[in-house]
Amino acid sequence: MAISNQILLSALLLVGPALFANNIGTGTPLCPEATLQQYLNSYGTGNSGGSCQIGQLVFNKFDFASFGLLSPGVTDPAFTGGITASDIIVRPDANRSAFDFLPIASNPNVFNRTVAAGKLERYAFFYRADPPPIIAGDELFLDPPSGSVYGTKFICADQDFAAPPSGQSNFTYIRSLSRSSYAGSTFPCIGSNSGPSYIIKTDGDASTIIPVKDSVVFSSPASVINVVILLDYEPGEVRGFDGVVTPVILTNVPEPANVFLMGSALVGLGAMLRRRRN
């Protein structure tokens, strides 16, 4: 089956079924289908205790930022028309204990971008997932897009992200980053096991239809994960990017030889959306 003009950044998380808690999230409201802006208002980083549940997981600490750049650290003063939180619908899927980021109906091409020469666009997604299930690791794969777009995911397992250096805000710090220098030390963790975050990187504009994959196994299963996902658009046109999907949870652990996990993040939903429309 030929795959073209789509981004697929997808994820499956390994879990231990014996570690499920039937009362996870008791009293926590179900996550609604709503705009990302409504999620920021209700379950964002500024809402202490604001959480919602999808399937077996509770989610909170949502945040989002967009950046128009001329180079790392240099804001493009003419940046307009970028992706906003009001352009994105969050669609929960209880069967997968996950949610999809999809374009609002009035702007179905919101994730397809055209970036002028000498300019960059960067988008940052933040959230926290609170199991059980226990999460063993993560995977990110890119099904080659048409255009230069790059997905990078940073994960702190059972820890928080450390504060940015030199007293910067998260958004000021993210604006200063160069994609080529992304590493686990870009977003270090802080806690009893503090150190670099787990990092999963994919490259866009691949020249073949073979997906580019990367994965990580946590040093010990995690009961909470904090996530930062960066989307970097570089000069040129990106087509076929139809949405973003967060982790899908598996309730059966593979045989030990296969517990080389599967894991999470962004997905171009072109084929899925076409099936839904038909």
C-alpha atoms as a PDB file:
ATOM      1  CA  MET A   1       0.000   0.000   0.000  1.00  0.00           C
ATOM      2  CA  ALA A   2       1.671   3.191  -1.128  1.00  0.00           C
ATOM      3  CA  ILE A   3       1.633   6.012   1.370  1.00  0.00           C
ATOM      4  CA  SER A   4       2.271   9.564   0.226  1.00  0.00           C
ATOM      5  CA  ASN A   5       1.595  13.143   1.213  1.00  0.00           C
ATOM      6  CA  GLN A   6       0.747  12.188   4.787  1.00  0.00           C
ATOM      7  CA  ILE A   7       2.443  12.508   8.115  1.00  0.00           C
ATOM      8  CA  LEU A   8       2.166   9.618  10.450  1.00  0.00           C
ATOM      9  CA  LEU A   9       3.593  10.147  13.886  1.00  0.00           C
ATOM     10  CA  SER A  10       1.894   7.393  15.922  1.00  0.00           C
ATOM     11  CA  ALA A  11       2.043   5.673  19.195  1.00  0.00           C
ATOM     12  CA  LEU A  12       1.334   2.675  21.277  1.00  0.00           C
ATOM     13  CA  LEU A  13       2.161   2.401  24.952  1.00  0.00           C
ATOM     14  CA  LEU A  14       2.944  -0.887  26.673  1.00  0.00           C
ATOM     15  CA  VAL A  15       1.131  -1.506  29.920  1.00  0.00           C
ATOM     16  CA  GLY A  16       0.765  -4.215  32.534  1.00  0.00           C
ATOM     17  CA  PRO A  17      -2.878  -5.303  32.837  1.00  0.00           C
ATOM     18  CA  ALA A  18      -2.383  -6.461  36.406  1.00  0.00           C
ATOM     19  CA  LEU A  19      -1.452  -2.878  37.283  1.00  0.00           C
ATOM     20  CA  PHE A  20      -4.786  -1.382  36.224  1.00  0.00           C
ATOM     21  CA  ALA A  21      -6.792   0.348  38.936  1.00  0.00           C
ATOM     22  CA  ASN A  22     -10.519   0.112  38.398  1.00  0.00           C
ATOM     23  CA  ASN A  23     -11.130   3.326  40.267  1.00  0.00           C
ATOM     24  CA  ILE A  24      -8.611   5.440  38.334  1.00  0.00           C
ATOM     25  CA  GLY A  25      -9.940   8.937  37.982  1.00  0.00           C
ATOM     26  CA  THR A  26     -12.998   8.371  40.171  1.00  0.00           C
ATOM     27  CA  GLY A  27     -14.777  11.699  40.318  1.00  0.00           C
ATOM     28  CA  THR A  28     -12.742  13.112  37.443  1.00  0.00           C
ATOM     29  CA  PRO A  29     -14.945  14.463  34.611  1.00  0.00           C
ATOM     30  CA  LEU A  30     -14.729  12.865  31.211  1.00  0.00           C
ATOM     31  CA  CYS A  31     -12.745  14.845  28.662  1.00  0.00           C
ATOM     32  CA  PRO A  32     -15.141  16.472  26.166  1.00  0.00           C
ATOM     33  CA  GLU A  33     -14.732  17.041  22.462  1.00  0.00           C
ATOM     34  CA  ALA A  34     -13.783  20.714  22.433  1.00  0.00           C
ATOM     35  CA  THR A  35     -11.232  23.114  21.030  1.00  0.00           C
ATOM     36  CA  LEU A  36      -7.706  23.024  22.358  1.00  0.00           C
ATOM     37  CA  GLN A  37      -8.326  26.548  23.621  1.00  0.00           C
ATOM     38  CA  GLN A  38     -11.169  25.234  25.787  1.00  0.00           C
ATOM     39  CA  TYR A  39      -8.804  22.553  27.113  1.00  0.00           C
ATOM     40  CA  LEU A  40      -6.268  25.225  28.001  1.00  0.00           C
ATOM     41  CA  ASN A  41      -8.994  27.130  29.816  1.00  0.00           C
ATOM     42  CA  SER A  42     -10.229  24.093  31.776  1.00  0.00           C
ATOM     43  CA  TYR A  43      -7.260  21.724  32.074  1.00  0.00           C
ATOM     44  CA  GLY A  44      -4.280  23.962  31.307  1.00  0.00           C
ATOM     45  CA  THR A  45      -1.129  24.589  33.294  1.00  0.00           C
ATOM     46  CA  GLY A  46      -2.751  27.601  34.962  1.00  0.00           C
ATOM     47  CA  ASN A  47      -5.651  25.528  36.323  1.00  0.00           C
ATOM     48  CA  SER A  48      -4.515  23.816  39.490  1.00  0.00           C
ATOM     49  CA  GLY A  49      -6.419  20.553  39.810  1.00  0.00           C
ATOM     50  CA  GLY A  50      -8.130  20.861  36.426  1.00  0.00           C
ATOM     51  CA  SER A  51      -8.100  17.339  34.964  1.00  0.00           C
ATOM     52  CA  CYS A  52     -10.234  15.113  32.768  1.00  0.00           C
ATOM     53  CA  GLN A  53     -10.338  11.398  32.055  1.00  0.00           C
ATOM     54  CA  ILE A  54     -10.224   9.393  28.824  1.00  0.00           C
ATOM     55  CA  GLY A  55     -10.525   5.647  29.231  1.00  0.00           C
ATOM     56  CA  GLN A  56      -7.949   4.547  31.811  1.00  0.00           C
ATOM     57  CA  LEU A  57      -5.952   7.780  31.876  1.00  0.00           C
ATOM     58  CA  VAL A  58      -6.306  11.201  33.456  1.00  0.00           C
ATOM     59  CA  PHE A  59      -4.893  14.177  31.517  1.00  0.00           C
ATOM     60  CA  ASN A  60      -3.991  17.673  32.633  1.00  0.00           C
ATOM     61  CA  LYS A  61      -1.367  20.426  32.320  1.00  0.00           C
ATOM     62  CA  PHE A  62      -2.238  21.119  28.686  1.00  0.00           C
ATOM     63  CA  ASP A  63      -0.440  24.012  27.038  1.00  0.00           C
ATOM     64  CA  PHE A  64       0.278  25.195  23.523  1.00  0.00           C
ATOM     65  CA  ALA A  65       2.411  27.844  21.844  1.00  0.00           C
ATOM     66  CA  SER A  66       3.196  28.925  18.291  1.00  0.00           C
ATOM     67  CA  PHE A  67       6.324  30.700  17.118  1.00  0.00           C
ATOM     68  CA  GLY A  68       7.174  32.467  13.884  1.00  0.00           C
ATOM     69  CA  LEU A  69      10.967  32.659  13.625  1.00  0.00           C
ATOM     70  CA  LEU A  70      13.595  34.086  11.315  1.00  0.00           C
ATOM     71  CA  SER A  71      16.193  31.981  13.140  1.00  0.00           C
ATOM     72  CA  PRO A  72      16.356  30.445  16.628  1.00  0.00           C
ATOM     73  CA  GLY A  73      15.780  33.215  19.129  1.00  0.00           C
ATOM     74  CA  VAL A  74      14.793  35.759  16.468  1.00  0.00           C
ATOM     75  CA  THR A  75      11.050  36.329  16.221  1.00  0.00           C
ATOM     76  CA  ASP A  76       9.514  37.084  12.840  1.00  0.00           C
ATOM     77  CA  PRO A  77       7.563  40.322  13.419  1.00  0.00           C
ATOM     78  CA  ALA A  78       5.453  39.658  10.323  1.00  0.00           C
ATOM     79  CA  PHE A  79       4.300  36.200  11.490  1.00  0.00           C
ATOM     80  CA  THR A  80       0.541  35.881  11.031  1.00  0.00           C
ATOM     81  CA  GLY A  81      -1.854  33.105  10.181  1.00  0.00           C
ATOM     82  CA  GLY A  82      -0.131  30.400  12.204  1.00  0.00           C
ATOM     83  CA  ILE A  83      -1.906  27.537  13.938  1.00  0.00           C
ATOM     84  CA  THR A  84      -3.819  28.643  17.040  1.00  0.00           C
ATOM     85  CA  ALA A  85      -5.390  26.656  19.877  1.00  0.00           C
ATOM     86  CA  SER A  86      -8.803  27.724  18.580  1.00  0.00           C
ATOM     87  CA  ASP A  87      -8.024  26.069  15.205  1.00  0.00           C
ATOM     88  CA  ILE A  88      -7.673  22.633  16.801  1.00  0.00           C
ATOM     89  CA  ILE A  89     -10.342  20.239  18.061  1.00  0.00           C
ATOM     90  CA  VAL A  90      -9.431  17.759  20.805  1.00  0.00           C
ATOM     91  CA  ARG A  91     -11.346  14.536  20.174  1.00  0.00           C
ATOM     92  CA  PRO A  92     -11.181  11.955  22.992  1.00  0.00           C
ATOM     93  CA  ASP A  93     -11.146   8.238  22.197  1.00  0.00           C
ATOM     94  CA  ALA A  94     -11.981   6.174  25.282  1.00  0.00           C
ATOM     95  CA  ASN A  95     -11.138   2.913  23.492  1.00  0.00           C
ATOM     96  CA  ARG A  96      -7.535   4.073  23.177  1.00  0.00           C
ATOM     97  CA  SER A  97      -7.362   6.084  26.423  1.00  0.00           C
ATOM     98  CA  ALA A  98      -6.138   8.860  24.151  1.00  0.00           C
ATOM     99  CA  PHE A  99      -7.136  11.942  22.213  1.00  0.00           C
ATOM    100  CA  ASP A 100      -6.674  13.308  18.712  1.00  0.00           C
ATOM    101  CA  PHE A 101      -5.820  16.872  17.731  1.00  0.00           C
ATOM    102  CA  LEU A 102      -7.831  17.582  14.562  1.00  0.00           C
ATOM    103  CA  PRO A 103      -8.498  20.729  12.530  1.00  0.00           C
ATOM    104  CA  ILE A 104     -11.740  22.554  13.162  1.00  0.00           C
ATOM    105  CA  ALA A 105     -14.277  22.010  10.384  1.00  0.00           C
ATOM    106  CA  SER A 106     -13.904  25.568   9.082  1.00  0.00           C
ATOM    107  CA  ASN A 107     -10.130  25.181   8.591  1.00  0.00           C
ATOM    108  CA  PRO A 108      -9.448  21.556   7.550  1.00  0.00           C
ATOM    109  CA  ASN A 109      -5.942  22.330   6.268  1.00  0.00           C
ATOM    110  CA  VAL A 110      -4.652  23.994   9.409  1.00  0.00           C
ATOM    111  CA  PHE A 111      -1.681  21.588   9.746  1.00  0.00           C
ATOM    112  CA  ASN A 112      -0.651  22.122   6.127  1.00  0.00           C
ATOM    113  CA  ARG A 113       1.723  25.064   6.025  1.00  0.00           C
ATOM    114  CA  THR A 114       3.695  27.071   3.487  1.00  0.00           C
ATOM    115  CA  VAL A 115       6.795  28.639   5.017  1.00  0.00           C
ATOM    116  CA  ALA A 116       8.746  31.289   3.110  1.00  0.00           C
ATOM    117  CA  ALA A 117      12.497  31.057   2.530  1.00  0.00           C
ATOM    118  CA  GLY A 118      14.492  32.207   5.526  1.00  0.00           C
ATOM    119  CA  LYS A 119      11.626  31.661   7.965  1.00  0.00           C
ATOM    120  CA  LEU A 120      10.585  28.958  10.406  1.00  0.00           C
ATOM    121  CA  GLU A 121       7.422  27.967  12.249  1.00  0.00           C
ATOM    122  CA  ARG A 122       7.487  26.059  15.531  1.00  0.00           C
ATOM    123  CA  TYR A 123       4.566  24.693  17.546  1.00  0.00           C
ATOM    124  CA  ALA A 124       4.774  23.289  21.060  1.00  0.00           C
ATOM    125  CA  PHE A 125       2.250  20.935  22.690  1.00  0.00           C
ATOM    126  CA  PHE A 126       2.376  20.095  26.382  1.00  0.00           C
ATOM    127  CA  TYR A 127       0.393  17.647  28.496  1.00  0.00           C
ATOM    128  CA  ARG A 128       0.627  15.205  31.367  1.00  0.00           C
ATOM    129  CA  ALA A 129      -0.742  11.630  31.458  1.00  0.00           C
ATOM    130  CA  ASP A 130      -1.450  10.081  34.832  1.00  0.00           C
ATOM    131  CA  PRO A 131      -1.677   6.266  34.769  1.00  0.00           C
ATOM    132  CA  PRO A 132      -2.266   3.463  35.729  1.00  0.00           C
ATOM    133  CA  PRO A 133      -1.725   1.714  33.387  1.00  0.00           C
ATOM    134  CA  ILE A 134       2.005   1.699  33.955  1.00  0.00           C
ATOM    135  CA  ILE A 135       3.862   2.941  30.885  1.00  0.00           C
ATOM    136  CA  ALA A 136       6.939   1.003  29.794  1.00  0.00           C
ATOM    137  CA  GLY A 137       8.180   3.186  26.965  1.00  0.00           C
ATOM    138  CA  ASP A 138       7.403   5.137  23.853  1.00  0.00           C
ATOM    139  CA  GLU A 139       7.782   5.166  20.080  1.00  0.00           C
ATOM    140  CA  LEU A 140       7.487   7.825  17.414  1.00  0.00           C
ATOM    141  CA  PHE A 141       7.448   7.207  13.684  1.00  0.00           C
ATOM    142  CA  LEU A 142       7.062   9.516  10.749  1.00  0.00           C
ATOM    143  CA  ASP A 143       5.340   8.314   7.619  1.00  0.00           C
ATOM    144  CA  PRO A 144       7.058  10.590   5.127  1.00  0.00           C
ATOM    145  CA  PRO A 145       5.260  13.906   4.646  1.00  0.00           C
ATOM    146  CA  SER A 146       5.313  16.084   1.622  1.00  0.00           C
ATOM    147  CA  GLY A 147       7.430  18.922   2.939  1.00  0.00           C
ATOM    148  CA  SER A 148       9.916  19.731   5.669  1.00  0.00           C
ATOM    149  CA  VAL A 149       8.166  19.195   8.984  1.00  0.00           C
ATOM    150  CA  TYR A 150       9.836  17.551  11.973  1.00  0.00           C
ATOM    151  CA  GLY A 151       8.405  16.043  15.143  1.00  0.00           C
ATOM    152  CA  THR A 152      10.365  15.783  18.381  1.00  0.00           C
ATOM    153  CA  LYS A 153       9.039  14.473  21.682  1.00  0.00           C
ATOM    154  CA  PHE A 154      10.546  14.899  25.132  1.00  0.00           C
ATOM    155  CA  ILE A 155       9.290  12.809  28.082  1.00  0.00           C
ATOM    156  CA  CYS A 156       9.945  13.033  31.803  1.00  0.00           C
ATOM    157  CA  ALA A 157       8.834   9.775  33.421  1.00  0.00           C
ATOM    158  CA  ASP A 158       7.741  10.115  37.072  1.00  0.00           C
ATOM    159  CA  GLN A 159       9.419  13.520  37.181  1.00  0.00           C
ATOM    160  CA  ASP A 160       8.740  17.102  36.216  1.00  0.00           C
ATOM    161  CA  PHE A 161      10.647  19.072  33.620  1.00  0.00           C
ATOM    162  CA  ALA A 162      13.297  21.339  35.103  1.00  0.00           C
ATOM    163  CA  ALA A 163      12.864  25.088  34.846  1.00  0.00           C
ATOM    164  CA  PRO A 164      14.474  26.671  31.762  1.00  0.00           C
ATOM    165  CA  PRO A 165      17.968  28.091  32.265  1.00  0.00           C
ATOM    166  CA  SER A 166      18.696  31.691  33.218  1.00  0.00           C
ATOM    167  CA  GLY A 167      15.215  32.351  34.522  1.00  0.00           C
ATOM    168  CA  GLN A 168      13.614  32.209  31.061  1.00  0.00           C
ATOM    169  CA  SER A 169       9.986  31.282  30.553  1.00  0.00           C
ATOM    170  CA  ASN A 170       9.289  27.988  28.780  1.00  0.00           C
ATOM    171  CA  PHE A 171       8.159  29.831  25.683  1.00  0.00           C
ATOM    172  CA  THR A 172      11.189  32.148  25.573  1.00  0.00           C
ATOM    173  CA  TYR A 173      13.428  29.120  25.937  1.00  0.00           C
ATOM    174  CA  ILE A 174      11.660  27.136  23.196  1.00  0.00           C
ATOM    175  CA  ARG A 175      11.952  30.122  20.863  1.00  0.00           C
ATOM    176  CA  SER A 176      15.744  30.082  21.355  1.00  0.00           C
ATOM    177  CA  LEU A 177      16.255  26.441  20.370  1.00  0.00           C
ATOM    178  CA  SER A 178      17.870  25.134  17.206  1.00  0.00           C
ATOM    179  CA  ARG A 179      16.236  21.936  15.951  1.00  0.00           C
ATOM    180  CA  SER A 180      19.589  20.446  14.989  1.00  0.00           C
ATOM    181  CA  SER A 181      20.723  20.613  18.626  1.00  0.00           C
ATOM    182  CA  TYR A 182      17.722  18.841  20.203  1.00  0.00           C
ATOM    183  CA  ALA A 183      18.885  16.291  22.767  1.00  0.00           C
ATOM    184  CA  GLY A 184      17.767  14.800  26.063  1.00  0.00           C
ATOM    185  CA  SER A 185      19.512  17.678  27.810  1.00  0.00           C
ATOM    186  CA  THR A 186      17.334  20.208  25.940  1.00  0.00           C
ATOM    187  CA  PHE A 187      14.485  19.530  28.397  1.00  0.00           C
ATOM    188  CA  PRO A 188      16.104  17.964  31.485  1.00  0.00           C
ATOM    189  CA  CYS A 189      13.982  16.426  34.239  1.00  0.00           C
ATOM    190  CA  ILE A 190      14.045  17.297  37.899  1.00  0.00           C
ATOM    191  CA  GLY A 191      13.277  14.908  40.739  1.00  0.00           C
ATOM    192  CA  SER A 192      14.742  11.974  42.621  1.00  0.00           C
ATOM    193  CA  ASN A 193      16.096  10.577  39.359  1.00  0.00           C
ATOM    194  CA  SER A 194      16.754  13.943  37.743  1.00  0.00           C
ATOM    195  CA  GLY A 195      18.656  14.044  34.489  1.00  0.00           C
ATOM    196  CA  PRO A 196      18.034  14.309  30.747  1.00  0.00           C
ATOM    197  CA  SER A 197      14.551  13.612  29.435  1.00  0.00           C
ATOM    198  CA  TYR A 198      13.826  10.766  27.070  1.00  0.00           C
ATOM    199  CA  ILE A 199      13.853  12.082  23.505  1.00  0.00           C
ATOM    200  CA  ILE A 200      12.260  10.730  20.332  1.00  0.00           C
ATOM    201  CA  LYS A 201      13.116  12.444  17.050  1.00  0.00           C
ATOM    202  CA  THR A 202      11.847  12.002  13.513  1.00  0.00           C
ATOM    203  CA  ASP A 203      12.856  13.701  10.293  1.00  0.00           C
ATOM    204  CA  GLY A 204      10.449  15.110   7.754  1.00  0.00           C
ATOM    205  CA  ASP A 205      10.621  15.312   3.980  1.00  0.00           C
ATOM    206  CA  ALA A 206      11.850  11.729   3.670  1.00  0.00           C
ATOM    207  CA  SER A 207      12.787  10.593   0.174  1.00  0.00           C
ATOM    208  CA  THR A 208      11.262   7.107   0.534  1.00  0.00           C
ATOM    209  CA  ILE A 209       7.937   5.709   1.693  1.00  0.00           C
ATOM    210  CA  ILE A 210       9.653   3.785   4.508  1.00  0.00           C
ATOM    211  CA  PRO A 211       8.698   5.352   7.850  1.00  0.00           C
ATOM    212  CA  VAL A 212      11.474   6.838   9.972  1.00  0.00           C
ATOM    213  CA  LYS A 213      11.202   5.344  13.458  1.00  0.00           C
ATOM    214  CA  ASP A 214      12.648   5.980  16.871  1.00  0.00           C
ATOM    215  CA  SER A 215      11.723   4.491  20.222  1.00  0.00           C
ATOM    216  CA  VAL A 216      12.722   4.486  23.848  1.00  0.00           C
ATOM    217  CA  VAL A 217      12.343   2.070  26.765  1.00  0.00           C
ATOM    218  CA  PHE A 218      12.074   3.734  30.151  1.00  0.00           C
ATOM    219  CA  SER A 219      14.644   2.572  32.688  1.00  0.00           C
ATOM    220  CA  SER A 220      11.711   1.629  34.934  1.00  0.00           C
ATOM    221  CA  PRO A 221       7.951   1.710  34.224  1.00  0.00           C
ATOM    222  CA  ALA A 222       6.395   5.116  34.751  1.00  0.00           C
ATOM    223  CA  SER A 223       3.265   5.975  36.698  1.00  0.00           C
ATOM    224  CA  VAL A 224       3.166   9.562  35.363  1.00  0.00           C
ATOM    225  CA  ILE A 225       4.628  11.069  32.203  1.00  0.00           C
ATOM    226  CA  ASN A 226       5.109  14.722  31.334  1.00  0.00           C
ATOM    227  CA  VAL A 227       5.344  15.432  27.612  1.00  0.00           C
ATOM    228  CA  VAL A 228       6.571  18.215  25.343  1.00  0.00           C
ATOM    229  CA  ILE A 229       6.114  17.755  21.590  1.00  0.00           C
ATOM    230  CA  LEU A 230       7.676  20.205  19.148  1.00  0.00           C
ATOM    231  CA  LEU A 231       6.625  20.517  15.505  1.00  0.00           C
ATOM    232  CA  ASP A 232       9.138  22.369  13.348  1.00  0.00           C
ATOM    233  CA  TYR A 233       8.169  23.612   9.895  1.00  0.00           C
ATOM    234  CA  GLU A 234      11.053  24.720   7.709  1.00  0.00           C
ATOM    235  CA  PRO A 235      10.885  26.608   4.380  1.00  0.00           C
ATOM    236  CA  GLY A 236       8.624  25.094   1.754  1.00  0.00           C
ATOM    237  CA  GLU A 237       5.142  23.624   1.511  1.00  0.00           C
ATOM    238  CA  VAL A 238       3.798  20.850   3.730  1.00  0.00           C
ATOM    239  CA  ARG A 239       0.814  18.872   2.438  1.00  0.00           C
ATOM    240  CA  GLY A 240      -1.202  15.918   3.683  1.00  0.00           C
ATOM    241  CA  PHE A 241      -0.825  16.655   7.394  1.00  0.00           C
ATOM    242  CA  ASP A 242      -4.291  16.128   8.806  1.00  0.00           C
ATOM    243  CA  GLY A 243      -3.940  15.929  12.549  1.00  0.00           C
ATOM    244  CA  VAL A 244      -2.088  14.931  15.695  1.00  0.00           C
ATOM    245  CA  VAL A 245      -2.747  11.853  17.817  1.00  0.00           C
ATOM    246  CA  THR A 246      -1.558  11.171  21.353  1.00  0.00           C
ATOM    247  CA  PRO A 247      -0.658   7.728  22.726  1.00  0.00           C
ATOM    248  CA  VAL A 248      -2.787   4.669  22.216  1.00  0.00           C
ATOM    249  CA  ILE A 249      -2.810   2.352  25.236  1.00  0.00           C
ATOM    250  CA  LEU A 250      -2.414  -1.416  24.881  1.00  0.00           C
ATOM    251  CA  THR A 251      -3.940  -3.506  27.641  1.00  0.00           C
ATOM    252  CA  ASN A 252      -1.989  -6.681  26.853  1.00  0.00           C
ATOM    253  CA  VAL A 253       1.736  -6.945  27.378  1.00  0.00           C
ATOM    254  CA  PRO A 254       3.590  -8.814  24.585  1.00  0.00           C
ATOM    255  CA  GLU A 255       5.845 -11.753  25.312  1.00  0.00           C
ATOM    256  CA  PRO A 256       8.979 -10.641  27.202  1.00  0.00           C
ATOM    257  CA  ALA A 257      11.100 -10.830  24.057  1.00  0.00           C
ATOM    258  CA  ASN A 258       8.781  -8.297  22.460  1.00  0.00           C
ATOM    259  CA  VAL A 259       8.442  -5.864  25.334  1.00  0.00           C
ATOM    260  CA  PHE A 260      10.527  -3.461  23.309  1.00  0.00           C
ATOM    261  CA  LEU A 261       7.569  -1.120  23.746  1.00  0.00           C
ATOM    262  CA  MET A 262       5.534   0.945  21.555  1.00  0.00           C
ATOM    263  CA  GLY A 263       4.640   4.340  22.283  1.00  0.00           C
ATOM    264  CA  SER A 264       3.150   7.728  21.361  1.00  0.00           C
ATOM    265  CA  ALA A 265       2.667  11.025  19.663  1.00  0.00           C
ATOM    266  CA  LEU A 266       1.775  12.805  16.470  1.00  0.00           C
ATOM    267  CA  VAL A 267      -0.100  11.263  13.610  1.00  0.00           C
ATOM    268  CA  GLY A 268      -1.173  12.428  10.204  1.00  0.00           C
ATOM    269  CA  LEU A 269      -4.692  11.146   9.989  1.00  0.00           C
ATOM    270  CA  GLY A 270      -5.336  11.410   6.262  1.00  0.00           C
ATOM    271  CA  ALA A 271      -6.329   7.801   5.677  1.00  0.00           C
ATOM    272  CA  MET A 272      -8.296   7.603   8.910  1.00  0.00           C
ATOM    273  CA  LEU A 273     -10.173  10.794   8.188  1.00  0.00           C
ATOM    274  CA  ARG A 274     -11.041   9.640   4.692  1.00  0.00           C
ATOM    275  CA  ARG A 275     -12.475   6.433   6.135  1.00  0.00           C
ATOM    276  CA  ARG A 276     -14.527   8.466   8.578  1.00  0.00           C
ATOM    277  CA  ARG A 277     -15.915  10.623   5.794  1.00  0.00           C
ATOM    278  CA  ASN A 278     -16.931   7.612   3.698  1.00  0.00           C
END
